[in-house]
Protein backbone atom coordinates (compact mmCIF):
# COMPACT_ATOMS: atom_id res chain seq x y z
CA MET A 1 105.97 85.88 101.27
CA LYS A 2 104.46 82.43 100.86
CA HIS A 3 101.71 82.36 103.49
CA THR A 4 98.45 84.33 103.55
CA GLN A 5 98.77 85.31 107.22
CA SER A 6 102.16 86.90 106.60
CA LYS A 7 100.88 88.80 103.55
CA LEU A 8 97.90 90.02 105.58
CA ILE A 9 99.95 91.34 108.50
CA ARG A 10 102.60 92.94 106.27
CA THR A 11 100.09 94.73 104.01
CA GLN A 12 99.97 98.25 105.43
CA ILE A 13 99.58 101.91 104.56
CA PRO A 14 102.98 103.26 103.43
CA ARG A 15 104.93 104.71 106.35
CA THR A 16 105.08 108.46 106.73
CA ALA A 17 108.22 110.47 107.48
CA GLU A 18 107.62 109.74 111.17
CA GLY A 19 108.53 106.06 110.64
CA GLU A 20 105.59 104.67 112.62
CA HIS A 21 105.34 100.86 113.01
CA ALA A 22 101.54 100.69 113.41
CA SER A 23 99.43 102.34 110.71
CA PRO A 24 98.48 105.93 111.57
CA LEU A 25 94.89 107.12 111.83
CA TYR A 26 93.67 109.33 109.00
CA LEU A 27 90.82 111.09 110.77
CA THR A 28 90.05 113.62 108.07
CA SER A 29 86.99 114.31 106.00
CA SER A 30 88.95 115.50 102.94
CA PHE A 31 92.40 115.57 101.33
CA CYS A 32 94.36 118.47 99.83
CA PHE A 33 95.88 119.01 96.36
CA ASP A 34 99.01 120.89 95.36
CA ASN A 35 97.39 122.56 92.37
CA ALA A 36 94.22 122.90 90.31
CA GLU A 37 95.34 120.37 87.68
CA ASP A 38 95.88 117.63 90.28
CA MET A 39 92.45 118.34 91.71
CA ARG A 40 90.82 118.25 88.27
CA ALA A 41 92.50 114.93 87.42
CA ALA A 42 91.33 113.40 90.71
CA PHE A 43 87.70 114.38 90.15
CA ALA A 44 87.91 113.13 86.55
CA ASP A 45 88.99 109.72 87.88
CA GLU A 46 92.28 109.99 86.00
CA THR A 47 94.15 109.27 89.24
CA ASP A 48 93.28 107.15 92.27
CA VAL A 49 94.31 109.63 94.95
CA ASN A 50 92.07 110.29 97.95
CA ILE A 51 89.57 113.12 97.59
CA TYR A 52 87.00 112.76 100.35
CA SER A 53 86.58 110.08 103.02
CA ARG A 54 83.09 109.24 101.78
CA PHE A 55 84.84 108.00 98.61
CA SER A 56 88.07 106.54 99.99
CA ASN A 57 90.43 106.80 102.94
CA PRO A 58 93.84 105.20 103.64
CA ASN A 59 92.62 103.35 106.74
CA VAL A 60 89.58 102.02 104.92
CA GLN A 61 91.70 100.91 101.98
CA GLU A 62 94.14 99.06 104.23
CA PHE A 63 91.25 97.14 105.78
CA VAL A 64 89.85 96.30 102.34
CA ASP A 65 93.25 95.23 100.99
CA ARG A 66 93.77 92.89 103.93
CA LEU A 67 90.31 91.34 103.60
CA CYS A 68 90.87 90.81 99.87
CA ILE A 69 94.03 88.86 100.70
CA LEU A 70 92.08 86.57 103.03
CA GLU A 71 89.19 86.08 100.58
CA ASN A 72 91.36 85.79 97.43
CA ALA A 73 89.35 88.66 95.94
CA GLU A 74 90.27 91.04 93.12
CA ALA A 75 88.85 94.13 94.81
CA GLY A 76 86.64 95.29 97.66
CA PHE A 77 84.74 98.14 99.25
CA ALA A 78 84.02 98.74 102.94
CA THR A 79 80.76 100.09 104.35
CA ALA A 80 79.41 101.40 107.64
CA THR A 81 77.66 98.12 108.55
CA GLY A 82 77.10 94.63 107.25
CA MET A 83 73.54 95.52 106.25
CA SER A 84 74.72 98.48 104.18
CA ALA A 85 76.97 96.05 102.31
CA VAL A 86 74.02 93.70 101.74
CA PHE A 87 71.70 96.49 100.58
CA GLY A 88 74.41 98.11 98.47
CA SER A 89 75.16 94.84 96.67
CA PHE A 90 71.49 94.54 95.73
CA MET A 91 70.94 98.13 94.65
CA ALA A 92 74.22 98.51 92.76
CA LEU A 93 73.84 95.30 90.76
CA LEU A 94 70.07 94.89 90.29
CA LYS A 95 67.51 97.06 88.49
CA LYS A 96 63.77 97.29 87.94
CA GLY A 97 62.47 94.07 86.40
CA ASP A 98 65.28 91.90 87.76
CA HIS A 99 64.74 88.88 89.99
CA LEU A 100 66.76 87.95 93.09
CA LEU A 101 66.82 84.31 94.19
CA SER A 102 67.80 83.69 97.81
CA CYS A 103 68.04 80.77 100.19
CA THR A 104 65.23 80.90 102.74
CA SER A 105 67.43 80.87 105.84
CA ILE A 106 68.89 84.36 106.04
CA PHE A 107 69.35 87.09 108.64
CA GLY A 108 66.06 88.76 109.62
CA SER A 109 67.06 92.24 108.39
CA THR A 110 68.18 90.80 105.04
CA HIS A 111 64.79 89.10 104.71
CA THR A 112 63.12 92.45 105.39
CA VAL A 113 65.19 94.20 102.71
CA ILE A 114 64.41 91.49 100.16
CA SER A 115 60.71 91.05 100.87
CA LYS A 116 59.66 94.59 101.86
CA TYR A 117 61.97 97.06 100.14
CA LEU A 118 63.27 95.50 96.91
CA PRO A 119 59.72 95.17 95.48
CA LYS A 120 59.29 98.95 95.93
CA TYR A 121 62.06 99.38 93.35
CA GLY A 122 60.53 96.82 90.98
CA ILE A 123 62.94 94.02 91.93
CA GLU A 124 61.19 90.70 92.41
CA TYR A 125 62.43 87.88 94.60
CA GLY A 126 62.07 84.17 95.23
CA TYR A 127 63.24 81.77 97.93
CA VAL A 128 64.72 78.29 97.80
CA SER A 129 65.28 76.07 100.82
CA ALA A 130 68.84 75.87 102.08
CA ASN A 131 68.32 72.10 101.80
CA ALA A 132 67.38 72.29 98.11
CA THR A 133 68.91 70.04 95.49
CA ALA A 134 70.59 71.33 92.34
CA ALA A 135 67.42 70.56 90.39
CA GLN A 136 65.32 72.60 92.84
CA TRP A 137 67.69 75.58 92.62
CA GLU A 138 67.62 75.46 88.84
CA ALA A 139 63.83 75.16 88.75
CA ALA A 140 63.50 78.38 90.77
CA ILE A 141 65.50 80.44 88.26
CA THR A 142 63.49 82.72 85.93
CA PRO A 143 64.62 84.54 82.78
CA GLN A 144 64.84 87.68 84.96
CA THR A 145 67.03 86.14 87.68
CA LYS A 146 70.21 88.22 87.90
CA MET A 147 71.52 87.30 91.34
CA ILE A 148 71.57 84.34 93.73
CA TYR A 149 72.10 85.22 97.38
CA LEU A 150 73.31 82.75 100.02
CA GLU A 151 74.20 82.63 103.66
CA THR A 152 76.21 79.59 104.63
CA PRO A 153 76.22 78.51 107.38
CA THR A 154 72.80 80.09 107.75
CA ASN A 155 71.67 82.31 110.62
CA PRO A 156 70.67 80.91 113.05
CA GLY A 157 69.82 77.37 111.92
CA LEU A 158 73.37 76.57 110.73
CA GLU A 159 72.30 74.90 107.51
CA VAL A 160 75.19 74.51 105.09
CA VAL A 161 74.65 75.27 101.40
CA ASP A 162 76.90 73.67 98.79
CA ILE A 163 78.53 76.79 97.30
CA ALA A 164 80.22 74.97 94.42
CA MET A 165 76.91 73.34 93.41
CA VAL A 166 75.03 76.65 93.37
CA SER A 167 77.95 78.37 91.64
CA ALA A 168 77.84 75.89 88.77
CA ILE A 169 74.14 76.65 88.29
CA ALA A 170 74.73 80.41 88.50
CA LYS A 171 77.50 80.29 85.91
CA LYS A 172 75.37 78.17 83.58
CA HIS A 173 72.70 80.89 83.59
CA ASN A 174 75.10 83.89 83.77
CA ILE A 175 73.83 84.88 87.24
CA ILE A 176 75.85 86.72 89.92
CA LEU A 177 76.46 84.56 93.01
CA ASN A 178 76.53 86.69 96.18
CA VAL A 179 77.59 84.87 99.40
CA ASP A 180 77.34 86.19 102.95
CA ASN A 181 80.43 84.70 104.62
CA CYS A 182 79.90 86.28 108.04
CA PHE A 183 79.43 83.09 110.06
CA ALA A 184 82.33 81.13 108.57
CA THR A 185 84.74 84.07 108.15
CA PRO A 186 87.50 83.84 105.51
CA ILE A 187 89.41 81.66 107.99
CA GLY A 188 86.66 79.04 107.75
CA GLN A 189 85.85 79.19 104.04
CA THR A 190 86.65 81.23 100.93
CA PRO A 191 83.53 81.30 98.72
CA ILE A 192 85.35 82.93 95.78
CA ASP A 193 87.51 79.81 95.50
CA LEU A 194 84.26 77.83 95.29
CA GLY A 195 82.83 80.00 92.49
CA ALA A 196 81.20 82.99 94.21
CA ASP A 197 81.38 86.33 92.39
CA ILE A 198 81.09 88.55 95.46
CA VAL A 199 81.36 87.94 99.21
CA ILE A 200 79.77 90.01 101.97
CA HIS A 201 80.79 90.46 105.59
CA SER A 202 79.37 92.07 108.66
CA ALA A 203 82.77 93.05 110.04
CA THR A 204 80.98 93.92 113.29
CA LYS A 205 81.05 90.23 114.16
CA TRP A 206 84.11 87.95 114.13
CA ILE A 207 86.32 90.36 112.18
CA ASP A 208 86.16 92.96 114.96
CA GLY A 209 85.80 90.15 117.45
CA GLN A 210 85.48 92.26 120.57
CA GLY A 211 82.09 93.96 120.24
CA ARG A 212 83.57 97.44 119.69
CA VAL A 213 82.70 98.87 116.28
CA LEU A 214 80.31 98.51 113.35
CA GLY A 215 81.51 97.76 109.84
CA GLY A 216 80.77 95.91 106.64
CA ALA A 217 82.55 94.89 103.47
CA ILE A 218 81.99 93.39 100.06
CA VAL A 219 84.80 91.83 98.03
CA GLY A 220 84.97 89.97 94.76
CA ARG A 221 85.15 90.55 91.00
CA LYS A 222 86.69 93.91 90.15
CA ASP A 223 83.95 94.92 87.69
CA LEU A 224 81.17 94.23 90.21
CA ILE A 225 82.99 95.95 93.05
CA HIS A 226 83.39 99.05 90.84
CA GLU A 227 79.61 99.25 90.49
CA MET A 228 79.31 98.89 94.26
CA TYR A 229 81.86 101.67 94.74
CA LEU A 230 79.97 104.04 92.43
CA PHE A 231 76.69 103.37 94.23
CA CYS A 232 78.13 103.78 97.73
CA ARG A 233 80.20 106.82 96.76
CA ALA A 234 76.97 108.53 95.73
CA THR A 235 74.70 107.30 98.52
CA GLY A 236 77.14 107.53 101.43
CA PRO A 237 77.24 104.35 103.59
CA SER A 238 80.96 104.95 104.17
CA LEU A 239 83.03 103.25 106.85
CA SER A 240 84.52 105.50 109.52
CA PRO A 241 88.34 105.70 109.28
CA PHE A 242 88.55 104.97 113.01
CA ASN A 243 86.40 101.85 112.66
CA ALA A 244 88.47 100.78 109.66
CA TRP A 245 91.66 101.18 111.71
CA ILE A 246 90.19 98.97 114.45
CA LEU A 247 88.99 96.35 111.95
CA SER A 248 92.27 96.26 110.06
CA LYS A 249 94.18 95.59 113.28
CA SER A 250 91.60 92.96 114.23
CA LEU A 251 92.26 91.04 111.01
CA GLU A 252 95.83 90.44 112.22
CA THR A 253 94.51 88.19 115.01
CA LEU A 254 91.46 86.71 113.25
CA GLU A 255 93.15 83.38 112.48
CA VAL A 256 94.34 82.69 116.04
CA ARG A 257 91.03 83.85 117.52
CA MET A 258 88.98 81.63 115.22
CA GLU A 259 91.08 78.62 116.18
CA ARG A 260 89.93 79.04 119.80
CA HIS A 261 86.33 80.00 118.93
CA CYS A 262 85.96 76.89 116.77
CA SER A 263 87.66 74.43 119.11
CA ASN A 264 85.54 75.73 122.00
CA ALA A 265 82.35 75.45 119.92
CA LEU A 266 83.01 71.86 118.85
CA PHE A 267 83.90 70.80 122.43
CA ILE A 268 80.70 72.30 123.89
CA ALA A 269 78.45 71.01 121.10
CA GLU A 270 79.77 67.49 121.68
CA LYS A 271 79.26 67.85 125.44
CA LEU A 272 75.61 68.87 125.02
CA GLU A 273 74.59 66.16 122.54
CA GLY A 274 72.19 63.74 124.19
CA HIS A 275 71.27 66.04 127.10
CA SER A 276 67.84 65.12 128.48
CA LYS A 277 66.45 68.67 128.12
CA ILE A 278 67.64 69.14 124.52
CA ASN A 279 66.02 67.73 121.38
CA PHE A 280 69.10 68.24 119.17
CA VAL A 281 72.41 70.08 118.90
CA LYS A 282 73.52 71.53 115.56
CA TYR A 283 77.10 72.38 114.60
CA PRO A 284 78.55 71.99 111.07
CA PHE A 285 81.44 69.78 112.22
CA LEU A 286 79.28 67.45 114.32
CA ILE A 287 78.86 64.12 112.51
CA SER A 288 75.14 64.30 113.35
CA HIS A 289 74.71 67.53 111.33
CA PRO A 290 72.61 66.77 108.23
CA HIS A 291 75.07 68.71 106.02
CA TYR A 292 78.23 67.40 107.67
CA ALA A 293 79.67 66.09 104.38
CA ILE A 294 79.19 69.46 102.64
CA ALA A 295 80.65 71.33 105.61
CA LYS A 296 83.77 69.13 105.66
CA LYS A 297 84.15 69.61 101.91
CA GLN A 298 84.00 73.41 101.79
CA MET A 299 84.89 74.59 105.31
CA LYS A 300 88.23 74.51 107.12
CA ASN A 301 86.49 74.57 110.52
CA GLY A 302 82.94 74.53 111.87
CA GLY A 303 82.76 78.17 112.90
CA GLY A 304 82.15 79.78 116.27
CA ILE A 305 78.35 79.29 116.47
CA PHE A 306 76.30 76.30 117.51
CA CYS A 307 72.62 76.00 118.27
CA PHE A 308 70.34 73.58 120.09
CA GLU A 309 66.63 73.09 120.57
CA ILE A 310 65.54 73.19 124.17
CA LYS A 311 62.44 71.19 125.10
CA GLY A 312 59.46 73.34 126.06
CA GLY A 313 59.27 75.91 123.25
CA ILE A 314 59.33 79.69 123.58
CA GLU A 315 58.77 79.81 127.35
CA ALA A 316 61.55 77.30 127.96
CA GLY A 317 63.84 79.38 125.74
CA ARG A 318 63.11 82.54 127.72
CA LYS A 319 63.58 80.76 131.03
CA PHE A 320 66.92 79.40 129.84
CA LEU A 321 68.16 82.92 129.05
CA ASN A 322 66.98 84.15 132.47
CA LYS A 323 69.06 81.46 134.20
CA ILE A 324 72.29 82.28 132.37
CA LYS A 325 74.97 83.67 134.71
CA MET A 326 78.18 84.17 132.71
CA LEU A 327 77.15 84.29 129.06
CA SER A 328 75.97 87.67 127.75
CA LEU A 329 72.45 88.36 126.51
CA THR A 330 73.05 90.89 123.75
CA ALA A 331 72.19 91.61 120.11
CA ASN A 332 75.54 90.60 118.68
CA LEU A 333 77.78 87.61 117.99
CA GLY A 334 81.42 86.92 117.23
CA ASP A 335 82.69 88.47 120.46
CA THR A 336 85.49 87.34 122.80
CA ARG A 337 82.65 86.89 125.31
CA SER A 338 80.15 84.08 124.74
CA ILE A 339 76.61 85.16 123.90
CA ALA A 340 73.29 83.32 124.21
CA SER A 341 70.18 84.28 122.24
CA HIS A 342 66.69 82.99 121.58
CA PRO A 343 65.89 83.88 117.95
CA ALA A 344 62.13 83.17 118.09
CA SER A 345 61.59 85.91 120.67
CA THR A 346 64.29 88.34 119.51
CA THR A 347 66.12 88.57 116.17
CA HIS A 348 63.50 86.64 114.17
CA SER A 349 60.40 87.52 116.20
CA LYS A 350 58.96 89.58 113.30
CA LEU A 351 58.67 86.43 111.20
CA SER A 352 55.42 84.51 111.46
CA PRO A 353 55.54 81.03 113.07
CA GLN A 354 55.20 79.58 109.57
CA GLU A 355 58.09 81.70 108.25
CA ARG A 356 60.28 80.71 111.19
CA GLU A 357 59.49 77.04 110.64
CA ALA A 358 60.44 77.39 106.96
CA VAL A 359 63.90 78.64 107.92
CA SER A 360 64.54 76.06 110.67
CA ILE A 361 63.89 78.40 113.61
CA SER A 362 61.86 76.43 116.12
CA ASP A 363 60.31 78.03 119.21
CA GLY A 364 62.91 76.42 121.45
CA LEU A 365 66.00 77.15 119.35
CA ILE A 366 68.92 78.63 121.30
CA ARG A 367 71.92 80.14 119.47
CA ILE A 368 75.28 80.29 121.22
CA SER A 369 78.10 82.48 119.94
CA VAL A 370 81.09 80.82 121.59
CA GLY A 371 83.68 83.19 122.98
CA LEU A 372 87.26 82.88 124.15
CA GLU A 373 86.56 82.06 127.79
CA HIS A 374 87.73 78.65 129.01
CA LYS A 375 85.57 75.98 127.38
CA GLU A 376 84.78 74.32 130.73
CA ASP A 377 83.37 77.57 132.13
CA ILE A 378 81.19 78.14 129.07
CA VAL A 379 79.69 74.66 129.11
CA ALA A 380 79.20 74.82 132.90
CA ASP A 381 77.07 77.95 132.57
CA ILE A 382 74.94 76.40 129.83
CA LEU A 383 74.45 73.19 131.83
CA GLN A 384 73.47 75.01 135.03
CA ALA A 385 70.93 77.08 133.10
CA LEU A 386 69.44 73.93 131.58
CA GLU A 387 69.17 72.29 134.99
CA ALA A 388 67.78 75.41 136.66
């Protein structure tokens, strides 16, 4: 097969004697052996058979194999949530005395893990602006820096970091480059092709795409993924076989869904530019985006998220949400249904005003996760809320 989409759809668990067309569900906690020698060899890691679903499971492996095809990765491991993948990548690959360097604009829970919990294990951290130059990134590296962590596009400010630029710096200093690819999805960009060593996903978002299940994954270099596997096998953030079955099926439609998400997002972002009650609209594939050139270089589309700054600050942001009629107000994104959120009063409310300003979260910032409804209906709801 020549095309990635065909390889993805045709990569499945081997059929059983029943001849099923869709992959069966392996809802079991453990797997049986024919004899004591087979069991001994499995526990000695001399074979790669399934032992226990905390370690591996056929449904989980199918999901991982399919994601590796999309991301051009050597290996992968799936976890219960996106945050368990983030935390696992830190704890499996960093140790006491190491230094983690991250871009400033990251998901609020990731910021909490880095700033509150990593120091408890003796892992130091530093931040660099998502707008930083190559010289600024390099200046922030210390002799103890072992990992660089990026989100791009960032959440929720949609800054775009030049992955190839940061990768060149990481390779020069023998540093692991860890990229959260949740917002772009592997349909929008493939960070490994741009030099990333590992890539993280919250599969809860676009990969599921319908707001049903939680899941996470990390894919990349085989040697690094093995360390992640050993850590997660021991500590237990395993993905449910049922959730893995859902997510694996969802990957089959990810490409066609993202085409609609992205075309809807660009249409609405263009419609809202210049509105009298908005200071700015931000979307990676808008020419007005400050990182438009980088986005066009490394992304195949602009993603399914756009944001805008409503005039009037926090109160205006809250009032806007209260006037929404069709869009959902919920703590998620990447759904078939469009979602509106106000980060300053919700997902990033635990950051100080100064911290929010440093990561491009203004008091009036509104984030829209664009769904699969008709684009005219989505923009009509946003416009009526602005006018109301």
